[in-house]
Protein backbone atom coordinates (compact mmCIF):
# COMPACT_ATOMS: atom_id res chain seq x y z
CA MET A 1 0.09 -0.09 -0.35
CA THR A 2 1.22 3.72 -0.70
CA GLU A 3 2.65 5.12 2.03
CA VAL A 4 1.47 9.09 2.68
CA LEU A 5 4.54 11.09 2.62
CA LEU A 6 2.85 14.81 3.50
CA ARG A 7 -0.25 15.53 5.19
CA ALA A 8 -1.64 18.81 5.90
CA ASP A 9 -4.29 19.06 8.48
CA ARG A 10 -6.74 21.93 9.00
CA ILE A 11 -3.93 24.58 8.00
CA ASN A 12 -5.21 27.90 8.08
CA LYS A 13 -3.65 31.33 6.85
CA ARG A 14 -4.65 35.16 6.78
CA PHE A 15 -2.89 38.37 5.08
CA GLY A 16 -4.94 40.90 6.97
CA ALA A 17 -8.18 41.04 6.41
CA VAL A 18 -8.14 38.15 3.53
CA VAL A 19 -8.47 34.53 4.11
CA ALA A 20 -5.84 32.93 1.59
CA LEU A 21 -6.74 28.86 3.32
CA ASN A 22 -9.23 27.77 5.52
CA ASP A 23 -9.09 24.64 7.28
CA VAL A 24 -7.03 22.87 4.29
CA SER A 25 -6.27 19.36 4.54
CA LEU A 26 -5.31 17.17 1.78
CA GLU A 27 -2.54 14.19 1.55
CA LEU A 28 0.43 13.05 -0.68
CA MET A 29 1.55 9.95 -1.92
CA ALA A 30 4.86 8.70 -1.83
CA GLY A 31 6.04 8.14 -5.08
CA GLU A 32 3.23 9.14 -6.85
CA VAL A 33 2.69 12.74 -9.15
CA THR A 34 0.13 15.01 -7.53
CA GLY A 35 -1.69 17.82 -9.39
CA LEU A 36 -2.83 20.93 -6.92
CA VAL A 37 -5.66 23.03 -9.64
CA GLY A 38 -7.76 25.39 -9.26
CA ASP A 39 -8.50 29.06 -10.37
CA ASN A 40 -5.55 31.93 -9.80
CA GLY A 41 -6.85 32.91 -5.89
CA ALA A 42 -7.68 29.54 -4.62
CA GLY A 43 -4.60 29.57 -2.55
CA LYS A 44 -2.31 26.72 -4.46
CA SER A 45 0.64 29.10 -4.05
CA THR A 46 0.39 29.80 -0.39
CA LEU A 47 -0.34 26.26 0.07
CA VAL A 48 3.09 24.82 -1.35
CA LYS A 49 4.76 27.81 0.14
CA MET A 50 4.08 26.52 3.35
CA PHE A 51 5.17 22.88 2.10
CA SER A 52 8.61 24.91 0.68
CA GLY A 53 9.41 26.66 3.82
CA VAL A 54 8.58 30.46 2.54
CA LEU A 55 5.72 31.03 4.70
CA ARG A 56 4.06 29.04 7.93
CA PRO A 57 0.76 28.46 9.05
CA ASP A 58 -1.39 30.68 11.52
CA ASN A 59 -2.55 27.26 12.67
CA GLY A 60 -3.07 23.69 11.48
CA THR A 61 -0.33 21.05 10.99
CA ILE A 62 2.26 19.68 8.68
CA ARG A 63 3.44 15.74 9.05
CA PHE A 64 6.48 15.00 6.59
CA ASP A 65 7.83 11.34 6.28
CA GLY A 66 6.52 10.55 9.30
CA GLU A 67 7.22 13.81 11.71
CA ASN A 68 5.40 17.00 12.29
CA VAL A 69 7.27 19.81 10.76
CA ASP A 70 7.22 23.60 11.08
CA PHE A 71 10.10 24.56 8.29
CA ALA A 72 11.17 28.41 9.76
CA SER A 73 12.91 28.90 6.04
CA PRO A 74 13.39 27.41 2.50
CA ALA A 75 16.99 25.61 3.99
CA ALA A 76 15.07 24.06 6.54
CA ALA A 77 12.87 22.45 3.80
CA ARG A 78 15.35 21.51 1.54
CA GLY A 79 17.36 20.05 4.65
CA ARG A 80 14.55 17.45 4.81
CA GLY A 81 14.28 16.44 0.99
CA ILE A 82 11.67 19.19 -0.08
CA GLU A 83 13.03 20.73 -3.09
CA THR A 84 11.00 23.46 -5.40
CA VAL A 85 10.89 24.94 -8.65
CA TYR A 86 9.63 28.21 -9.42
CA GLN A 87 8.39 29.78 -12.47
CA ASP A 88 11.26 31.92 -12.69
CA LEU A 89 13.50 29.00 -12.26
CA ALA A 90 15.96 30.76 -10.02
CA LEU A 91 18.94 30.03 -12.49
CA VAL A 92 22.02 32.23 -12.97
CA GLY A 93 21.92 32.78 -16.54
CA SER A 94 25.85 34.07 -16.86
CA MET A 95 26.80 31.00 -14.84
CA ALA A 96 27.30 27.19 -16.22
CA VAL A 97 25.17 24.86 -16.37
CA TRP A 98 27.12 22.94 -13.73
CA ALA A 99 27.68 26.22 -11.36
CA ASN A 100 23.95 26.51 -11.67
CA VAL A 101 23.74 22.99 -10.50
CA TYR A 102 25.83 23.68 -7.47
CA LEU A 103 24.86 26.76 -6.64
CA GLY A 104 24.56 27.10 -2.27
CA ARG A 105 26.08 23.89 -2.41
CA GLU A 106 29.98 24.50 -4.06
CA LEU A 107 32.93 22.01 -3.56
CA LEU A 108 35.84 23.21 -2.20
CA THR A 109 39.80 21.84 -2.85
CA GLY A 110 42.52 22.34 -0.63
CA PRO A 111 43.38 23.97 2.55
CA ALA A 112 39.64 25.17 4.14
CA PHE A 113 41.10 28.84 4.57
CA LEU A 114 41.64 29.40 0.84
CA ASN A 115 37.98 28.47 0.04
CA VAL A 116 38.84 26.85 -3.75
CA LEU A 117 36.35 25.52 -5.67
CA ASP A 118 36.74 22.22 -6.96
CA LYS A 119 35.90 23.10 -10.67
CA ARG A 120 36.67 19.71 -12.06
CA ARG A 121 34.32 17.59 -9.59
CA MET A 122 31.83 20.00 -9.90
CA ILE A 123 31.60 19.29 -13.72
CA SER A 124 31.97 15.88 -13.42
CA ASN A 125 29.09 15.14 -10.75
CA ALA A 126 26.89 17.74 -12.67
CA ARG A 127 26.81 15.49 -15.45
CA ASP A 128 26.16 12.70 -13.75
CA MET A 129 23.30 14.09 -11.61
CA LEU A 130 21.35 15.81 -14.60
CA GLU A 131 22.17 12.37 -16.81
CA ARG A 132 19.79 10.24 -13.95
CA PHE A 133 16.98 12.62 -14.96
CA VAL A 134 17.24 13.49 -18.41
CA ALA A 135 17.99 11.81 -21.28
CA ARG A 136 20.20 14.35 -23.76
CA VAL A 137 21.92 16.97 -21.24
CA PRO A 138 22.61 20.09 -22.14
CA PRO A 139 26.38 20.81 -21.97
CA VAL A 140 27.27 21.53 -18.51
CA ASP A 141 29.78 23.82 -18.96
CA GLU A 142 27.44 26.55 -21.23
CA PRO A 143 26.03 29.49 -19.67
CA VAL A 144 22.20 29.02 -18.87
CA GLU A 145 21.43 31.79 -20.80
CA SER A 146 22.51 30.15 -24.10
CA LEU A 147 20.13 27.56 -23.47
CA SER A 148 16.61 27.34 -24.44
CA GLY A 149 13.18 27.59 -22.36
CA GLY A 150 12.69 24.24 -22.40
CA GLN A 151 16.47 23.35 -21.62
CA ARG A 152 16.70 25.51 -18.74
CA GLN A 153 13.57 24.31 -17.26
CA ILE A 154 15.13 20.48 -17.59
CA VAL A 155 18.23 21.57 -16.19
CA ALA A 156 15.86 23.67 -12.97
CA ILE A 157 13.82 20.55 -12.57
CA ALA A 158 16.44 17.63 -12.95
CA ARG A 159 18.69 19.89 -10.27
CA ALA A 160 15.68 19.67 -7.86
CA GLY A 161 15.83 15.86 -8.69
CA ALA A 162 19.46 15.61 -7.69
CA TRP A 163 18.97 17.63 -4.33
CA GLY A 164 15.97 16.98 -3.45
CA SER A 165 16.09 13.02 -2.48
CA LYS A 166 12.01 12.98 -1.21
CA LEU A 167 9.53 15.54 -2.89
CA ILE A 168 9.82 18.09 -5.85
CA ILE A 169 7.34 21.05 -5.93
CA MET A 170 7.00 22.29 -9.19
CA ASP A 171 4.91 25.49 -10.24
CA GLU A 172 3.48 25.73 -13.50
CA PRO A 173 6.81 24.10 -15.06
CA THR A 174 6.21 24.55 -18.92
CA ALA A 175 4.69 27.81 -19.05
CA ALA A 176 5.76 29.17 -22.20
CA LEU A 177 6.97 26.37 -23.53
CA GLY A 178 6.38 24.77 -27.03
CA VAL A 179 4.79 21.62 -27.93
CA ALA A 180 8.46 19.68 -28.14
CA GLU A 181 9.65 21.19 -24.70
CA THR A 182 6.45 20.60 -22.82
CA ARG A 183 6.70 17.02 -23.60
CA ALA A 184 10.69 16.66 -22.60
CA VAL A 185 10.19 18.25 -20.05
CA GLU A 186 7.34 16.12 -18.94
CA GLU A 187 9.50 13.14 -19.52
CA VAL A 188 12.26 14.35 -16.55
CA ILE A 189 8.81 14.39 -14.64
CA HIS A 190 8.29 11.01 -15.33
CA GLY A 191 11.75 10.19 -14.80
CA LEU A 192 11.56 11.63 -11.37
CA ARG A 193 8.21 9.31 -10.13
CA ASP A 194 10.06 6.14 -11.99
CA ARG A 195 13.14 6.80 -9.28
CA GLY A 196 10.68 6.85 -6.36
CA LEU A 197 10.25 10.53 -5.99
CA THR A 198 7.10 12.78 -5.19
CA VAL A 199 6.44 15.18 -7.25
CA LEU A 200 3.58 17.72 -6.54
CA VAL A 201 2.91 20.15 -9.57
CA ILE A 202 0.64 23.29 -9.88
CA SER A 203 -0.40 23.85 -13.37
CA HIS A 204 -3.11 25.54 -14.99
CA ASN A 205 -2.95 23.27 -18.03
CA LEU A 206 -5.49 20.35 -17.46
CA ASP A 207 -4.59 18.39 -20.47
CA GLN A 208 -1.06 18.33 -18.97
CA VAL A 209 -2.35 17.36 -15.78
CA PHE A 210 -4.01 14.43 -16.43
CA ARG A 211 -0.92 13.29 -18.50
CA ILE A 212 1.44 13.10 -16.03
CA THR A 213 -0.50 13.40 -12.68
CA ASP A 214 -1.82 9.93 -10.49
CA ARG A 215 -3.77 11.86 -8.46
CA ILE A 216 -5.26 15.99 -8.41
CA TRP A 217 -5.86 17.58 -5.85
CA VAL A 218 -8.85 20.86 -6.30
CA LEU A 219 -8.77 24.41 -4.12
CA ARG A 220 -11.54 26.84 -4.60
CA ARG A 221 -11.25 30.14 -2.70
CA GLY A 222 -8.78 28.97 -0.42
CA GLU A 223 -10.67 25.95 0.86
CA VAL A 224 -10.26 21.89 -0.16
CA ILE A 225 -13.04 21.21 -2.66
CA GLY A 226 -12.02 17.70 -3.06
CA SER A 227 -9.27 14.81 -4.86
CA ARG A 228 -9.89 12.01 -7.52
CA GLU A 229 -7.41 9.75 -8.98
CA THR A 230 -6.24 10.71 -12.09
CA GLY A 231 -7.35 7.40 -13.95
CA ASN A 232 -11.06 7.33 -12.27
CA THR A 233 -12.08 11.28 -13.34
CA ARG A 234 -12.18 13.48 -16.20
CA PRO A 235 -11.30 16.87 -17.17
CA GLU A 236 -15.14 17.84 -17.10
CA GLU A 237 -15.16 16.77 -13.16
CA ILE A 238 -12.30 18.24 -12.61
CA VAL A 239 -13.22 21.85 -14.24
CA ALA A 240 -16.28 21.55 -12.40
CA MET A 241 -15.02 21.05 -8.92
CA ILE A 242 -12.72 24.33 -9.67
CA THR A 243 -15.25 26.68 -10.57
CA GLY A 244 -18.58 25.11 -8.32
CA ALA A 245 -20.80 23.93 -10.41
CA VAL A 246 -21.11 21.11 -8.77
CA PRO A 247 -22.90 21.35 -5.28
CA ALA A 248 -20.34 20.11 -2.40
CA ASP A 249 -22.68 17.63 -1.28
CA ARG A 250 -22.06 15.94 -4.76
CA LEU A 251 -18.58 15.67 -5.19
CA GLY A 252 -18.19 12.78 -2.70
């Protein structure tokens, strides 16, 4: 039986008079790709910021990998094996691919007081790390700004996969990409799942959500409307849940 990797229980968050999340409870199953959908303002980004340590809930609990957690920072979440790929990718365009893979985690060589970067080992390791998830690895010594949008997204996702040992969170992973690049990114996401990682994807693209996910959770106006196994629902049902076209007492 699939285990629960992350459980949010009755999470609440307010920003002044605005209620961003109201008693939100959901589960992410280990080894699955889960979609999180809802209209703009539904609370999706606020919720994943709780999981990634950017925000803290006003009340409620988050249980991750069998323990209650309260991440004080993104670094604390990363330390537990949670990596996040945001829409801006957090890549430095002027730096090489290998340098972006090791950004904030640089390897040093020689006496500690000299702080000499071990470039050779990072280049070799970065190539090996990306090859675990990417069939066609971009040149690791090329600056990121020379890559296509799809290649940049793949580098960001593969970097998260290389460092995130348990959960990868992605915010609109294929926004503004062409058809071929979107398919390549989706292959990387499938590769993460095949290696046993858990993936949470925020997306407005329902066609994509149905292609890549195992389960879908729906938020509306800061509340959880429900969840469905992807193989046992249809886009029309998910749209109805997002828009409120189906009364809550008929959702099950």
